[in-house]
């Protein structure tokens, strides 16, 4: 079994064991898409949106999958809906990517209601842009006061991940990963698996 197939199996198990975990479905969809399994990826992305309808990055990838499947009308609707969600949240990168995809389909993007407004600025947020897909805080993201781990990874987390998303990983998702994947963190192999999933979940990979 290839490395990619291993990853798909891992996240399929996570999505099955925790059917209401939007990140599990999101990451499974990404891996299926990477493997060319776009029909299955669409199902995973749609499930992620059922759980978390403001997860703007999912709209971008779902729209891209639908384009690959030549489902133009579905892709246009998803991308327009996703643009609006990303615009409201101040998720600039997914919004701009969806604008490009709509352009490839010969469709104009909706008019932005946040023209030239930096994320976290005029809306009164903290001005920090969290890299975690589906960040809860949006324009109100706040940076960690210090690295949560005393190494280079800890510095990267402080630089890229907001305090709310780190707390969610630490208190909720990390426990799920350890339990559902039966990880023994006293072994190097399982520690590597844990670190890889953490990086992917936090948008660091």
Protein backbone atom coordinates (compact mmCIF):
# COMPACT_ATOMS: atom_id res chain seq x y z
CA UNK A 1 0.00 0.00 0.00
CA UNK A 2 1.40 3.41 -0.98
CA UNK A 3 1.96 6.24 1.47
CA UNK A 4 -1.01 8.10 0.00
CA UNK A 5 -3.20 5.03 0.39
CA UNK A 6 -2.05 4.74 4.00
CA UNK A 7 -3.10 8.35 4.62
CA UNK A 8 -6.46 7.79 2.97
CA UNK A 9 -7.07 4.74 5.14
CA UNK A 10 -6.12 6.65 8.29
CA UNK A 11 -8.45 9.54 7.61
CA UNK A 12 -11.24 7.32 6.37
CA UNK A 13 -11.10 5.61 9.74
CA UNK A 14 -11.14 8.97 11.52
CA UNK A 15 -14.12 10.14 9.48
CA UNK A 16 -15.95 6.89 10.19
CA UNK A 17 -15.18 6.88 13.91
CA UNK A 18 -16.06 10.58 14.28
CA UNK A 19 -18.76 11.28 11.68
CA UNK A 20 -19.27 14.83 12.98
CA UNK A 21 -15.61 15.82 12.73
CA UNK A 22 -15.46 18.34 9.89
CA UNK A 23 -11.67 18.27 9.73
CA UNK A 24 -11.59 14.51 9.32
CA UNK A 25 -13.92 14.69 6.32
CA UNK A 26 -12.05 17.70 4.94
CA UNK A 27 -8.66 16.00 5.07
CA UNK A 28 -10.06 12.76 3.67
CA UNK A 29 -11.52 14.74 0.78
CA UNK A 30 -8.15 16.38 0.12
CA UNK A 31 -6.38 13.03 -0.01
CA UNK A 32 -9.04 11.43 -2.21
CA UNK A 33 -8.79 14.41 -4.55
CA UNK A 34 -5.02 14.03 -4.67
CA UNK A 35 -5.52 10.36 -5.58
CA UNK A 36 -7.91 11.26 -8.40
CA UNK A 37 -10.97 9.87 -6.59
CA UNK A 38 -13.02 13.01 -7.19
CA UNK A 39 -16.48 11.46 -6.80
CA UNK A 40 -15.60 10.20 -3.32
CA UNK A 41 -13.83 13.47 -2.53
CA UNK A 42 -17.03 15.38 -3.36
CA UNK A 43 -18.93 13.26 -0.83
CA UNK A 44 -16.35 13.99 1.88
CA UNK A 45 -16.34 17.72 1.16
CA UNK A 46 -20.13 17.91 1.17
CA UNK A 47 -20.22 16.14 4.52
CA UNK A 48 -17.66 18.61 5.89
CA UNK A 49 -19.91 21.48 4.79
CA UNK A 50 -22.95 19.89 6.37
CA UNK A 51 -21.07 19.94 9.67
CA UNK A 52 -19.37 23.30 9.18
CA UNK A 53 -21.09 25.47 6.54
CA UNK A 54 -18.63 28.36 7.01
CA UNK A 55 -15.55 26.22 6.22
CA UNK A 56 -14.52 28.32 3.22
CA UNK A 57 -11.57 26.20 2.05
CA UNK A 58 -13.93 23.26 1.54
CA UNK A 59 -16.00 25.23 -0.98
CA UNK A 60 -12.84 25.93 -2.98
CA UNK A 61 -11.78 22.28 -3.14
CA UNK A 62 -15.33 21.02 -3.71
CA UNK A 63 -15.73 23.46 -6.61
CA UNK A 64 -12.42 22.30 -8.07
CA UNK A 65 -13.51 18.66 -7.80
CA UNK A 66 -16.79 19.39 -9.53
CA UNK A 67 -14.91 21.13 -12.33
CA UNK A 68 -12.74 18.03 -12.80
CA UNK A 69 -15.96 15.99 -13.03
CA UNK A 70 -17.34 18.41 -15.67
CA UNK A 71 -20.26 19.36 -13.40
CA UNK A 72 -20.10 23.01 -14.36
CA UNK A 73 -23.39 24.29 -12.96
CA UNK A 74 -22.79 22.61 -9.60
CA UNK A 75 -19.26 24.03 -9.53
CA UNK A 76 -20.45 27.57 -10.22
CA UNK A 77 -23.03 27.44 -7.43
CA UNK A 78 -20.56 26.01 -4.91
CA UNK A 79 -17.88 28.55 -5.81
CA UNK A 80 -20.29 31.49 -5.62
CA UNK A 81 -21.61 30.32 -2.26
CA UNK A 82 -18.06 29.75 -1.06
CA UNK A 83 -16.92 33.18 -2.21
CA UNK A 84 -19.66 34.78 -0.13
CA UNK A 85 -18.75 32.73 2.94
CA UNK A 86 -15.03 33.48 2.56
CA UNK A 87 -15.75 37.16 1.99
CA UNK A 88 -17.87 37.41 5.14
CA UNK A 89 -15.20 35.64 7.21
CA UNK A 90 -12.31 37.57 5.73
CA UNK A 91 -10.73 34.37 4.39
CA UNK A 92 -8.84 36.12 1.62
CA UNK A 93 -6.86 33.23 0.14
CA UNK A 94 -9.82 30.86 -0.48
CA UNK A 95 -11.86 33.80 -1.76
CA UNK A 96 -9.23 34.73 -4.34
CA UNK A 97 -8.75 31.10 -5.38
CA UNK A 98 -12.50 30.76 -5.94
CA UNK A 99 -12.45 33.95 -8.00
CA UNK A 100 -9.82 32.35 -10.25
CA UNK A 101 -11.84 29.13 -10.58
CA UNK A 102 -14.97 31.06 -11.51
CA UNK A 103 -12.90 32.93 -14.10
CA UNK A 104 -11.83 29.61 -15.60
CA UNK A 105 -15.52 28.80 -15.97
CA UNK A 106 -16.19 32.15 -17.63
CA UNK A 107 -18.22 33.37 -14.66
CA UNK A 108 -17.75 36.58 -12.68
CA UNK A 109 -17.26 36.35 -8.93
CA UNK A 110 -19.80 37.98 -6.62
CA UNK A 111 -19.01 41.55 -5.56
CA UNK A 112 -16.87 41.59 -2.44
CA UNK A 113 -18.28 43.40 0.56
CA UNK A 114 -14.79 43.71 2.02
CA UNK A 115 -12.98 45.51 -0.79
CA UNK A 116 -9.44 46.37 0.26
CA UNK A 117 -10.23 45.56 3.87
CA UNK A 118 -7.41 43.58 5.47
CA UNK A 119 -8.41 40.52 7.40
CA UNK A 120 -8.90 41.37 11.06
CA UNK A 121 -8.69 45.12 10.41
CA UNK A 122 -11.86 47.13 9.90
CA UNK A 123 -13.97 44.41 11.41
CA UNK A 124 -12.28 44.99 14.75
CA UNK A 125 -10.44 41.70 14.89
CA UNK A 126 -7.00 40.96 16.16
CA UNK A 127 -5.26 41.30 12.81
CA UNK A 128 -3.78 37.76 12.91
CA UNK A 129 -4.44 35.39 10.01
CA UNK A 130 -4.64 31.79 11.20
CA UNK A 131 -3.52 29.13 8.70
CA UNK A 132 -5.71 26.35 10.06
CA UNK A 133 -8.38 25.36 7.51
CA UNK A 134 -11.78 26.23 8.95
CA UNK A 135 -10.37 28.50 11.67
CA UNK A 136 -13.12 29.24 14.18
CA UNK A 137 -12.00 32.79 14.96
CA UNK A 138 -11.97 34.22 11.45
CA UNK A 139 -11.29 37.96 11.58
CA UNK A 140 -11.03 37.78 15.38
CA UNK A 141 -8.10 35.36 15.44
CA UNK A 142 -5.48 36.07 18.09
CA UNK A 143 -1.87 34.99 18.12
CA UNK A 144 -0.52 32.68 20.81
CA UNK A 145 1.36 34.61 23.49
CA UNK A 146 4.32 32.24 23.20
CA UNK A 147 5.31 29.04 21.36
CA UNK A 148 3.29 26.15 22.83
CA UNK A 149 6.26 23.80 22.35
CA UNK A 150 9.91 24.63 23.00
CA UNK A 151 11.23 23.78 19.54
CA UNK A 152 11.04 24.93 15.92
CA UNK A 153 7.59 23.39 15.49
CA UNK A 154 6.35 25.38 18.47
CA UNK A 155 7.65 28.59 16.87
CA UNK A 156 5.89 27.68 13.61
CA UNK A 157 2.62 27.05 15.46
CA UNK A 158 2.83 30.44 17.16
CA UNK A 159 3.52 32.07 13.80
CA UNK A 160 0.77 30.32 11.84
CA UNK A 161 -1.99 29.12 14.22
CA UNK A 162 -4.32 31.21 16.39
CA UNK A 163 -4.77 30.58 20.09
CA UNK A 164 -8.34 29.27 19.70
CA UNK A 165 -7.43 26.69 17.06
CA UNK A 166 -4.42 25.50 19.04
CA UNK A 167 -6.59 25.10 22.14
CA UNK A 168 -9.15 23.15 20.08
CA UNK A 169 -6.42 20.82 18.80
CA UNK A 170 -4.86 20.34 22.21
CA UNK A 171 -8.07 19.76 24.17
CA UNK A 172 -10.18 17.93 21.60
CA UNK A 173 -8.66 16.77 18.34
CA UNK A 174 -5.38 15.44 19.70
CA UNK A 175 -7.27 13.16 22.07
CA UNK A 176 -9.42 11.89 19.20
CA UNK A 177 -6.38 11.20 17.05
CA UNK A 178 -4.63 9.24 19.80
CA UNK A 179 -7.73 7.23 20.74
CA UNK A 180 -9.20 6.57 17.30
CA UNK A 181 -5.89 5.65 15.71
CA UNK A 182 -4.71 3.79 18.81
CA UNK A 183 -1.41 5.65 18.89
CA UNK A 184 1.27 4.75 21.40
CA UNK A 185 3.33 7.93 21.75
CA UNK A 186 6.15 6.02 23.40
CA UNK A 187 7.06 4.70 19.93
CA UNK A 188 8.86 6.76 17.28
CA UNK A 189 6.59 5.58 14.46
CA UNK A 190 3.40 6.60 16.26
CA UNK A 191 4.92 9.94 17.30
CA UNK A 192 5.73 10.60 13.64
CA UNK A 193 2.14 9.77 12.66
CA UNK A 194 0.80 12.05 15.40
CA UNK A 195 3.04 14.96 14.34
CA UNK A 196 2.08 14.53 10.69
CA UNK A 197 -1.65 14.60 11.46
CA UNK A 198 -1.18 17.62 13.72
CA UNK A 199 0.65 19.51 10.98
CA UNK A 200 -2.00 18.63 8.39
CA UNK A 201 -4.86 19.52 10.71
CA UNK A 202 -3.35 22.88 11.65
CA UNK A 203 -2.53 23.75 8.05
CA UNK A 204 1.24 23.52 8.54
CA UNK A 205 2.02 20.91 5.89
